[in-house]
Amino acid sequence: MILLQNSGEPIYRQIADQLKEDILTGKLKQGEYLPSIRSLAKDLKISVITTMKAYELLEAEGLVCAAQGKGFLVNAQDSEMLKEQHIRRVESSLLEAISAAKIAGMTDGELEEMLRTLLTMEDV
């Protein structure tokens, strides 16, 4: 897990986002336990409170649940919810790309052509 101290994003949010990514991509599977709060805090050299806050955020989003005395485990993921999560990520990334293209002075046609080119690349 990579934490950026000067990213402007709170540490707990960075942890939650990276774990969420692992859950949504299937790297962390249903029923699998997250690292214990204490061990993750120790590994990342951060506060237990910060780690707990990240786990509580994931729990509030319904991605994990607390198992008394055992920690947090990954909930079953609804395939429709997973699809919607990915669609939201695509929209966000495209909006960011459109904004960057405007700053760079690209036309809509140039941006569309770049997207078409990237879509045809085999290693994407």
N, C-alpha and C. Protein backbone atom coordinates (compact mmCIF):
# COMPACT_ATOMS: atom_id res chain seq x y z
N MET A 1 0.85 -1.17 0.00
CA MET A 1 0.00 0.00 0.00
C MET A 1 0.90 1.24 0.00
N ILE A 2 0.55 2.18 -0.85
CA ILE A 2 1.35 3.40 -0.98
C ILE A 2 0.55 4.59 -0.46
N LEU A 3 1.13 5.28 0.52
CA LEU A 3 0.50 6.47 1.08
C LEU A 3 1.32 7.70 0.71
N LEU A 4 0.63 8.73 0.27
CA LEU A 4 1.30 9.98 -0.11
C LEU A 4 0.98 11.04 0.92
N GLN A 5 1.99 11.48 1.64
CA GLN A 5 1.80 12.45 2.73
C GLN A 5 1.33 13.81 2.23
N ASN A 6 1.73 14.18 1.02
CA ASN A 6 1.42 15.53 0.53
C ASN A 6 0.40 15.52 -0.61
N SER A 7 -0.45 14.51 -0.67
CA SER A 7 -1.40 14.40 -1.78
C SER A 7 -2.63 15.29 -1.60
N GLY A 8 -2.85 15.78 -0.39
CA GLY A 8 -4.05 16.56 -0.13
C GLY A 8 -5.22 15.67 0.26
N GLU A 9 -5.08 14.38 0.04
CA GLU A 9 -6.10 13.38 0.39
C GLU A 9 -5.74 12.83 1.78
N PRO A 10 -6.70 12.81 2.71
CA PRO A 10 -6.38 12.27 4.05
C PRO A 10 -5.88 10.82 3.96
N ILE A 11 -5.01 10.46 4.87
CA ILE A 11 -4.42 9.12 4.89
C ILE A 11 -5.50 8.04 4.96
N TYR A 12 -6.50 8.24 5.84
CA TYR A 12 -7.54 7.22 5.98
C TYR A 12 -8.29 7.02 4.66
N ARG A 13 -8.47 8.09 3.89
CA ARG A 13 -9.16 8.01 2.60
C ARG A 13 -8.28 7.25 1.59
N GLN A 14 -6.97 7.51 1.61
CA GLN A 14 -6.07 6.80 0.71
C GLN A 14 -6.11 5.29 0.99
N ILE A 15 -6.11 4.92 2.26
CA ILE A 15 -6.18 3.51 2.65
C ILE A 15 -7.49 2.91 2.16
N ALA A 16 -8.59 3.59 2.47
CA ALA A 16 -9.92 3.10 2.07
C ALA A 16 -10.01 2.96 0.56
N ASP A 17 -9.51 3.94 -0.18
CA ASP A 17 -9.58 3.89 -1.65
C ASP A 17 -8.79 2.71 -2.21
N GLN A 18 -7.60 2.46 -1.65
CA GLN A 18 -6.79 1.35 -2.15
C GLN A 18 -7.42 0.00 -1.81
N LEU A 19 -7.99 -0.13 -0.61
CA LEU A 19 -8.67 -1.37 -0.25
C LEU A 19 -9.93 -1.56 -1.09
N LYS A 20 -10.64 -0.46 -1.34
CA LYS A 20 -11.84 -0.51 -2.17
C LYS A 20 -11.48 -1.00 -3.57
N GLU A 21 -10.40 -0.49 -4.11
CA GLU A 21 -9.92 -0.91 -5.43
C GLU A 21 -9.64 -2.42 -5.42
N ASP A 22 -8.99 -2.90 -4.37
CA ASP A 22 -8.69 -4.33 -4.27
C ASP A 22 -9.96 -5.17 -4.18
N ILE A 23 -10.97 -4.65 -3.52
CA ILE A 23 -12.25 -5.37 -3.40
C ILE A 23 -12.98 -5.38 -4.74
N LEU A 24 -13.06 -4.21 -5.38
CA LEU A 24 -13.81 -4.09 -6.62
C LEU A 24 -13.16 -4.83 -7.79
N THR A 25 -11.85 -4.98 -7.74
CA THR A 25 -11.17 -5.71 -8.81
C THR A 25 -11.05 -7.20 -8.50
N GLY A 26 -11.50 -7.60 -7.32
CA GLY A 26 -11.46 -9.01 -6.96
C GLY A 26 -10.16 -9.48 -6.35
N LYS A 27 -9.23 -8.56 -6.12
CA LYS A 27 -7.97 -8.94 -5.48
C LYS A 27 -8.25 -9.41 -4.04
N LEU A 28 -9.19 -8.73 -3.38
CA LEU A 28 -9.71 -9.18 -2.08
C LEU A 28 -11.08 -9.78 -2.33
N LYS A 29 -11.26 -11.02 -1.97
CA LYS A 29 -12.48 -11.76 -2.30
C LYS A 29 -13.47 -11.79 -1.15
N GLN A 30 -14.71 -12.11 -1.47
CA GLN A 30 -15.78 -12.25 -0.49
C GLN A 30 -15.34 -13.20 0.63
N GLY A 31 -15.56 -12.77 1.87
CA GLY A 31 -15.24 -13.59 3.03
C GLY A 31 -13.80 -13.49 3.48
N GLU A 32 -12.97 -12.82 2.70
CA GLU A 32 -11.56 -12.66 3.07
C GLU A 32 -11.43 -11.55 4.10
N TYR A 33 -10.56 -11.77 5.08
CA TYR A 33 -10.36 -10.76 6.13
C TYR A 33 -9.35 -9.71 5.67
N LEU A 34 -9.64 -8.47 6.04
CA LEU A 34 -8.67 -7.40 5.84
C LEU A 34 -7.57 -7.58 6.88
N PRO A 35 -6.40 -7.00 6.64
CA PRO A 35 -5.36 -7.06 7.67
C PRO A 35 -5.91 -6.47 8.98
N SER A 36 -5.44 -6.97 10.10
CA SER A 36 -5.92 -6.42 11.36
C SER A 36 -5.58 -4.94 11.43
N ILE A 37 -6.40 -4.21 12.15
CA ILE A 37 -6.21 -2.76 12.27
C ILE A 37 -4.83 -2.45 12.83
N ARG A 38 -4.45 -3.18 13.88
CA ARG A 38 -3.14 -2.93 14.51
C ARG A 38 -1.98 -3.27 13.57
N SER A 39 -2.07 -4.40 12.87
CA SER A 39 -0.95 -4.78 12.00
C SER A 39 -0.82 -3.83 10.82
N LEU A 40 -1.95 -3.40 10.25
CA LEU A 40 -1.88 -2.45 9.13
C LEU A 40 -1.31 -1.12 9.60
N ALA A 41 -1.75 -0.66 10.76
CA ALA A 41 -1.23 0.59 11.32
C ALA A 41 0.28 0.49 11.54
N LYS A 42 0.71 -0.65 12.06
CA LYS A 42 2.15 -0.85 12.31
C LYS A 42 2.92 -0.89 11.00
N ASP A 43 2.41 -1.65 10.02
CA ASP A 43 3.09 -1.75 8.71
C ASP A 43 3.22 -0.39 8.03
N LEU A 44 2.16 0.42 8.13
CA LEU A 44 2.15 1.72 7.46
C LEU A 44 2.74 2.84 8.32
N LYS A 45 3.05 2.49 9.57
CA LYS A 45 3.59 3.47 10.53
C LYS A 45 2.64 4.66 10.71
N ILE A 46 1.37 4.30 10.95
CA ILE A 46 0.34 5.31 11.17
C ILE A 46 -0.45 4.95 12.42
N SER A 47 -1.34 5.83 12.79
CA SER A 47 -2.18 5.63 13.97
C SER A 47 -3.21 4.54 13.75
N VAL A 48 -3.50 3.79 14.81
CA VAL A 48 -4.57 2.79 14.79
C VAL A 48 -5.90 3.49 14.51
N ILE A 49 -6.06 4.70 15.01
CA ILE A 49 -7.30 5.46 14.81
C ILE A 49 -7.49 5.77 13.32
N THR A 50 -6.43 6.11 12.63
CA THR A 50 -6.50 6.40 11.20
C THR A 50 -6.93 5.15 10.43
N THR A 51 -6.34 4.01 10.78
CA THR A 51 -6.69 2.75 10.13
C THR A 51 -8.15 2.40 10.41
N MET A 52 -8.56 2.58 11.65
CA MET A 52 -9.95 2.28 12.02
C MET A 52 -10.92 3.14 11.22
N LYS A 53 -10.58 4.40 11.04
CA LYS A 53 -11.42 5.32 10.29
C LYS A 53 -11.57 4.84 8.84
N ALA A 54 -10.50 4.33 8.24
CA ALA A 54 -10.55 3.81 6.87
C ALA A 54 -11.47 2.60 6.80
N TYR A 55 -11.35 1.70 7.77
CA TYR A 55 -12.18 0.50 7.79
C TYR A 55 -13.65 0.85 8.01
N GLU A 56 -13.90 1.82 8.87
CA GLU A 56 -15.29 2.25 9.11
C GLU A 56 -15.89 2.87 7.86
N LEU A 57 -15.09 3.57 7.08
CA LEU A 57 -15.55 4.14 5.82
C LEU A 57 -15.96 3.03 4.84
N LEU A 58 -15.14 2.00 4.76
CA LEU A 58 -15.46 0.85 3.90
C LEU A 58 -16.72 0.13 4.38
N GLU A 59 -16.88 0.07 5.70
CA GLU A 59 -18.08 -0.56 6.27
C GLU A 59 -19.32 0.26 5.94
N ALA A 60 -19.20 1.59 6.02
CA ALA A 60 -20.33 2.47 5.71
C ALA A 60 -20.74 2.34 4.24
N GLU A 61 -19.79 2.03 3.37
CA GLU A 61 -20.07 1.84 1.95
C GLU A 61 -20.59 0.44 1.65
N GLY A 62 -20.62 -0.41 2.68
CA GLY A 62 -21.13 -1.76 2.51
C GLY A 62 -20.15 -2.74 1.89
N LEU A 63 -18.89 -2.36 1.81
CA LEU A 63 -17.89 -3.24 1.19
C LEU A 63 -17.35 -4.28 2.16
N VAL A 64 -17.32 -3.94 3.45
CA VAL A 64 -16.83 -4.87 4.47
C VAL A 64 -17.78 -4.84 5.66
N CYS A 65 -17.64 -5.82 6.52
CA CYS A 65 -18.39 -5.82 7.77
C CYS A 65 -17.47 -6.28 8.89
N ALA A 66 -17.78 -5.83 10.10
CA ALA A 66 -16.99 -6.19 11.26
C ALA A 66 -17.48 -7.53 11.80
N ALA A 67 -16.55 -8.42 12.07
CA ALA A 67 -16.86 -9.71 12.70
C ALA A 67 -16.29 -9.64 14.11
N GLN A 68 -17.16 -9.65 15.11
CA GLN A 68 -16.75 -9.49 16.50
C GLN A 68 -15.56 -10.37 16.85
N GLY A 69 -14.48 -9.75 17.28
CA GLY A 69 -13.30 -10.47 17.72
C GLY A 69 -12.43 -11.01 16.59
N LYS A 70 -12.83 -10.81 15.34
CA LYS A 70 -12.08 -11.37 14.22
C LYS A 70 -11.57 -10.32 13.25
N GLY A 71 -12.14 -9.13 13.29
CA GLY A 71 -11.72 -8.08 12.37
C GLY A 71 -12.77 -7.77 11.33
N PHE A 72 -12.33 -7.28 10.20
CA PHE A 72 -13.24 -6.89 9.12
C PHE A 72 -13.08 -7.84 7.95
N LEU A 73 -14.22 -8.27 7.38
CA LEU A 73 -14.15 -9.14 6.23
C LEU A 73 -14.94 -8.56 5.07
N VAL A 74 -14.54 -8.97 3.88
CA VAL A 74 -15.14 -8.47 2.64
C VAL A 74 -16.53 -9.05 2.47
N ASN A 75 -17.50 -8.17 2.22
CA ASN A 75 -18.88 -8.60 1.95
C ASN A 75 -19.00 -9.13 0.54
N ALA A 76 -20.05 -9.90 0.31
CA ALA A 76 -20.37 -10.32 -1.05
C ALA A 76 -20.69 -9.07 -1.86
N GLN A 77 -20.21 -9.02 -3.07
CA GLN A 77 -20.43 -7.84 -3.89
C GLN A 77 -21.49 -8.13 -4.96
N ASP A 78 -22.48 -7.30 -5.00
CA ASP A 78 -23.53 -7.38 -6.01
C ASP A 78 -22.92 -6.99 -7.35
N SER A 79 -23.07 -7.84 -8.35
CA SER A 79 -22.43 -7.58 -9.65
C SER A 79 -22.93 -6.28 -10.28
N GLU A 80 -24.20 -5.95 -10.06
CA GLU A 80 -24.74 -4.69 -10.59
C GLU A 80 -24.10 -3.50 -9.89
N MET A 81 -23.88 -3.62 -8.57
CA MET A 81 -23.23 -2.55 -7.82
C MET A 81 -21.78 -2.39 -8.29
N LEU A 82 -21.10 -3.51 -8.52
CA LEU A 82 -19.72 -3.45 -9.00
C LEU A 82 -19.66 -2.74 -10.35
N LYS A 83 -20.58 -3.09 -11.23
CA LYS A 83 -20.62 -2.45 -12.56
C LYS A 83 -20.83 -0.95 -12.41
N GLU A 84 -21.74 -0.55 -11.55
CA GLU A 84 -22.02 0.87 -11.33
C GLU A 84 -20.80 1.59 -10.77
N GLN A 85 -20.09 0.95 -9.85
CA GLN A 85 -18.87 1.54 -9.28
C GLN A 85 -17.84 1.79 -10.39
N HIS A 86 -17.69 0.82 -11.27
CA HIS A 86 -16.72 0.97 -12.36
C HIS A 86 -17.16 2.05 -13.35
N ILE A 87 -18.45 2.13 -13.62
CA ILE A 87 -18.96 3.17 -14.52
C ILE A 87 -18.68 4.55 -13.93
N ARG A 88 -18.88 4.70 -12.62
CA ARG A 88 -18.58 5.99 -11.97
C ARG A 88 -17.11 6.33 -12.09
N ARG A 89 -16.23 5.33 -11.96
CA ARG A 89 -14.79 5.58 -12.09
C ARG A 89 -14.46 6.03 -13.51
N VAL A 90 -15.08 5.38 -14.50
CA VAL A 90 -14.84 5.76 -15.90
C VAL A 90 -15.30 7.20 -16.12
N GLU A 91 -16.50 7.54 -15.65
CA GLU A 91 -17.00 8.91 -15.81
C GLU A 91 -16.05 9.92 -15.18
N SER A 92 -15.60 9.63 -13.98
CA SER A 92 -14.69 10.54 -13.29
C SER A 92 -13.39 10.72 -14.07
N SER A 93 -12.84 9.61 -14.55
CA SER A 93 -11.59 9.68 -15.32
C SER A 93 -11.78 10.44 -16.63
N LEU A 94 -12.90 10.21 -17.29
CA LEU A 94 -13.16 10.93 -18.54
C LEU A 94 -13.35 12.42 -18.30
N LEU A 95 -14.03 12.78 -17.23
CA LEU A 95 -14.19 14.21 -16.91
C LEU A 95 -12.84 14.86 -16.64
N GLU A 96 -11.98 14.13 -15.96
CA GLU A 96 -10.63 14.63 -15.69
C GLU A 96 -9.85 14.79 -17.00
N ALA A 97 -9.99 13.81 -17.91
CA ALA A 97 -9.32 13.88 -19.21
C ALA A 97 -9.84 15.05 -20.04
N ILE A 98 -11.15 15.27 -20.02
CA ILE A 98 -11.74 16.39 -20.77
C ILE A 98 -11.20 17.72 -20.24
N SER A 99 -11.13 17.83 -18.93
CA SER A 99 -10.60 19.05 -18.32
C SER A 99 -9.15 19.28 -18.73
N ALA A 100 -8.34 18.24 -18.69
CA ALA A 100 -6.92 18.35 -19.07
C ALA A 100 -6.80 18.70 -20.57
N ALA A 101 -7.67 18.11 -21.40
CA ALA A 101 -7.65 18.39 -22.84
C ALA A 101 -7.97 19.86 -23.11
N LYS A 102 -8.94 20.41 -22.38
CA LYS A 102 -9.28 21.84 -22.55
C LYS A 102 -8.12 22.73 -22.16
N ILE A 103 -7.46 22.37 -21.07
CA ILE A 103 -6.29 23.15 -20.63
C ILE A 103 -5.20 23.09 -21.68
N ALA A 104 -5.04 21.92 -22.32
CA ALA A 104 -4.02 21.74 -23.35
C ALA A 104 -4.43 22.35 -24.69
N GLY A 105 -5.67 22.82 -24.78
CA GLY A 105 -6.13 23.45 -26.01
C GLY A 105 -6.55 22.45 -27.10
N MET A 106 -6.82 21.22 -26.71
CA MET A 106 -7.24 20.22 -27.69
C MET A 106 -8.68 20.45 -28.12
N THR A 107 -8.97 20.14 -29.37
CA THR A 107 -10.35 20.21 -29.85
C THR A 107 -11.06 18.91 -29.46
N ASP A 108 -12.39 18.93 -29.56
CA ASP A 108 -13.16 17.71 -29.28
C ASP A 108 -12.74 16.59 -30.22
N GLY A 109 -12.51 16.94 -31.48
CA GLY A 109 -12.10 15.96 -32.48
C GLY A 109 -10.76 15.32 -32.13
N GLU A 110 -9.82 16.14 -31.67
CA GLU A 110 -8.50 15.60 -31.28
C GLU A 110 -8.63 14.66 -30.09
N LEU A 111 -9.47 15.04 -29.14
CA LEU A 111 -9.68 14.20 -27.96
C LEU A 111 -10.34 12.88 -28.34
N GLU A 112 -11.35 12.96 -29.20
CA GLU A 112 -12.04 11.75 -29.66
C GLU A 112 -11.07 10.83 -30.41
N GLU A 113 -10.23 11.41 -31.25
CA GLU A 113 -9.25 10.62 -32.00
C GLU A 113 -8.26 9.95 -31.06
N MET A 114 -7.83 10.66 -30.03
CA MET A 114 -6.91 10.08 -29.06
C MET A 114 -7.57 8.90 -28.34
N LEU A 115 -8.83 9.06 -27.97
CA LEU A 115 -9.56 7.98 -27.31
C LEU A 115 -9.68 6.77 -28.25
N ARG A 116 -10.03 7.02 -29.51
CA ARG A 116 -10.14 5.91 -30.49
C ARG A 116 -8.80 5.18 -30.63
N THR A 117 -7.72 5.94 -30.70
CA THR A 117 -6.38 5.34 -30.82
C THR A 117 -6.08 4.50 -29.60
N LEU A 118 -6.35 5.02 -28.43
CA LEU A 118 -6.06 4.27 -27.19
C LEU A 118 -6.92 3.01 -27.09
N LEU A 119 -8.17 3.09 -27.56
CA LEU A 119 -9.05 1.94 -27.51
C LEU A 119 -8.58 0.81 -28.42
N THR A 120 -7.85 1.15 -29.50
CA THR A 120 -7.40 0.12 -30.43
C THR A 120 -6.05 -0.49 -30.03
N MET A 121 -5.40 0.09 -29.05
CA MET A 121 -4.13 -0.45 -28.60
C MET A 121 -4.37 -1.78 -27.88
N GLU A 122 -3.54 -2.76 -28.15
CA GLU A 122 -3.72 -4.11 -27.61
C GLU A 122 -3.41 -4.22 -26.12
N ASP A 123 -2.50 -3.42 -25.61
CA ASP A 123 -2.08 -3.59 -24.21
C ASP A 123 -2.86 -2.72 -23.23
N VAL A 124 -3.94 -2.13 -23.66
CA VAL A 124 -4.76 -1.31 -22.76
C VAL A 124 -5.68 -2.19 -21.96
